[in-house]
Amino acid sequence: WISRSIVDHRDKLGGYHSADQLLEVKYFPPELLEWFEVKNTDVEIRKININTASFNTLRSHPYIRYEQARDLQRYIRLYGNIADMTALGRTSIFSEEKLALLAPYIEF
């Protein structure tokens, strides 16, 4: 069941960019982390275009809460598209920590 959880989390994320993300999987034993590595040479991370993604697409990503998806779409509706990570950071919708987690998964 842990292996199924690892695959399910990978699918929700859009791929793993770091083995440390396995610690986000429920019941994953931290002592096993040393046996895992992520090689992105064969598989690309699935990215979400935050300017065009639907609310449900945004909300379905594990690093985006309901309120953040709502606020992000409201911001874009009021001020226009977001150009890059710096501009996204200026919206104050996401913390710096959350922006770092999201960076591999979003595009503009």
Protein backbone atom coordinates (compact mmCIF):
# COMPACT_ATOMS: atom_id res chain seq x y z
CA TRP A 1 0.00 0.00 0.00
CA ILE A 2 2.96 2.34 0.50
CA SER A 3 4.03 1.80 -3.11
CA ARG A 4 0.49 2.64 -4.26
CA SER A 5 0.61 5.80 -2.13
CA ILE A 6 3.95 6.77 -3.68
CA VAL A 7 2.53 6.40 -7.19
CA ASP A 8 -0.70 8.23 -6.30
CA HIS A 9 1.24 11.16 -4.82
CA ARG A 10 3.50 11.28 -7.89
CA ASP A 11 0.46 11.43 -10.15
CA LYS A 12 -1.16 14.23 -8.12
CA LEU A 13 2.07 16.24 -8.10
CA GLY A 14 2.84 15.76 -11.76
CA GLY A 15 6.07 13.88 -11.05
CA TYR A 16 8.73 13.95 -8.39
CA HIS A 17 11.56 16.46 -8.67
CA SER A 18 13.22 15.43 -5.39
CA ALA A 19 13.37 12.20 -3.42
CA ASP A 20 12.60 14.28 -0.30
CA GLN A 21 9.05 14.59 -1.58
CA LEU A 22 8.55 10.95 -0.63
CA LEU A 23 8.40 12.15 2.97
CA GLU A 24 5.06 13.75 2.05
CA VAL A 25 3.62 10.28 1.41
CA LYS A 26 1.62 9.00 4.36
CA TYR A 27 3.39 6.19 6.23
CA PHE A 28 6.58 6.49 4.16
CA PRO A 29 9.41 5.45 6.51
CA PRO A 30 12.09 8.20 6.53
CA GLU A 31 14.84 5.62 6.98
CA LEU A 32 14.10 4.33 3.45
CA LEU A 33 14.73 7.70 1.83
CA GLU A 34 18.42 6.95 1.29
CA TRP A 35 17.44 4.15 -1.10
CA PHE A 36 15.52 6.45 -3.44
CA GLU A 37 16.64 8.93 -6.05
CA VAL A 38 14.78 10.91 -8.68
CA LYS A 39 16.05 10.92 -12.22
CA ASN A 40 14.18 13.35 -14.44
CA THR A 41 16.07 12.35 -17.56
CA ASP A 42 13.31 10.05 -18.82
CA VAL A 43 10.21 11.65 -17.35
CA GLU A 44 9.25 15.31 -17.43
CA ILE A 45 7.41 17.04 -14.65
CA ARG A 46 3.83 17.91 -15.63
CA LYS A 47 3.45 21.68 -15.39
CA ILE A 48 0.37 23.79 -14.81
CA ASN A 49 0.02 27.13 -16.57
CA ILE A 50 -1.31 29.21 -13.71
CA ASN A 51 -2.68 31.87 -16.06
CA THR A 52 -4.90 29.48 -18.01
CA ALA A 53 -5.55 26.54 -15.67
CA SER A 54 -9.07 25.95 -14.42
CA PHE A 55 -9.91 26.29 -10.76
CA ASN A 56 -10.24 22.51 -10.45
CA THR A 57 -6.82 21.94 -12.03
CA LEU A 58 -5.20 24.41 -9.65
CA ARG A 59 -7.04 23.03 -6.66
CA SER A 60 -6.17 19.42 -7.46
CA HIS A 61 -2.45 20.06 -7.03
CA PRO A 62 -1.27 19.02 -3.56
CA TYR A 63 0.65 22.25 -3.00
CA ILE A 64 -2.28 24.58 -3.80
CA ARG A 65 -5.07 24.98 -1.27
CA TYR A 66 -8.65 25.86 -2.20
CA GLU A 67 -8.27 29.45 -1.00
CA GLN A 68 -5.03 29.92 -2.92
CA ALA A 69 -6.58 28.67 -6.17
CA ARG A 70 -9.51 31.03 -5.64
CA ASP A 71 -7.27 34.00 -4.81
CA LEU A 72 -4.98 33.27 -7.74
CA GLN A 73 -7.84 33.25 -10.23
CA ARG A 74 -9.29 36.40 -8.67
CA TYR A 75 -5.89 38.13 -8.93
CA ILE A 76 -5.52 37.19 -12.60
CA ARG A 77 -9.06 38.35 -13.35
CA LEU A 78 -8.38 41.74 -11.72
CA TYR A 79 -4.77 42.42 -12.72
CA GLY A 80 -4.05 40.19 -15.71
CA ASN A 81 -1.67 37.34 -16.28
CA ILE A 82 1.28 36.67 -14.01
CA ALA A 83 4.58 36.80 -15.90
CA ASP A 84 7.01 34.85 -13.70
CA MET A 85 7.86 33.56 -10.23
CA THR A 86 8.87 37.01 -9.01
CA ALA A 87 5.48 38.42 -9.98
CA LEU A 88 3.73 35.44 -8.41
CA GLY A 89 5.64 36.09 -5.18
CA ARG A 90 4.50 39.71 -5.17
CA THR A 91 0.86 38.58 -5.06
CA SER A 92 1.40 37.28 -1.50
CA ILE A 93 -0.90 34.34 -2.28
CA PHE A 94 1.87 31.84 -1.54
CA SER A 95 4.58 31.86 1.10
CA GLU A 96 8.21 31.72 -0.01
CA GLU A 97 8.34 28.11 1.14
CA LYS A 98 5.27 27.22 -0.93
CA LEU A 99 6.66 29.06 -3.96
CA ALA A 100 9.81 26.95 -3.74
CA LEU A 101 7.72 23.78 -3.69
CA LEU A 102 5.55 24.96 -6.58
CA ALA A 103 8.33 26.25 -8.84
CA PRO A 104 8.98 22.96 -10.69
CA TYR A 105 5.25 22.49 -11.35
CA ILE A 106 4.11 25.82 -12.75
CA GLU A 107 4.61 27.77 -15.92
CA PHE A 108 3.39 31.12 -17.13
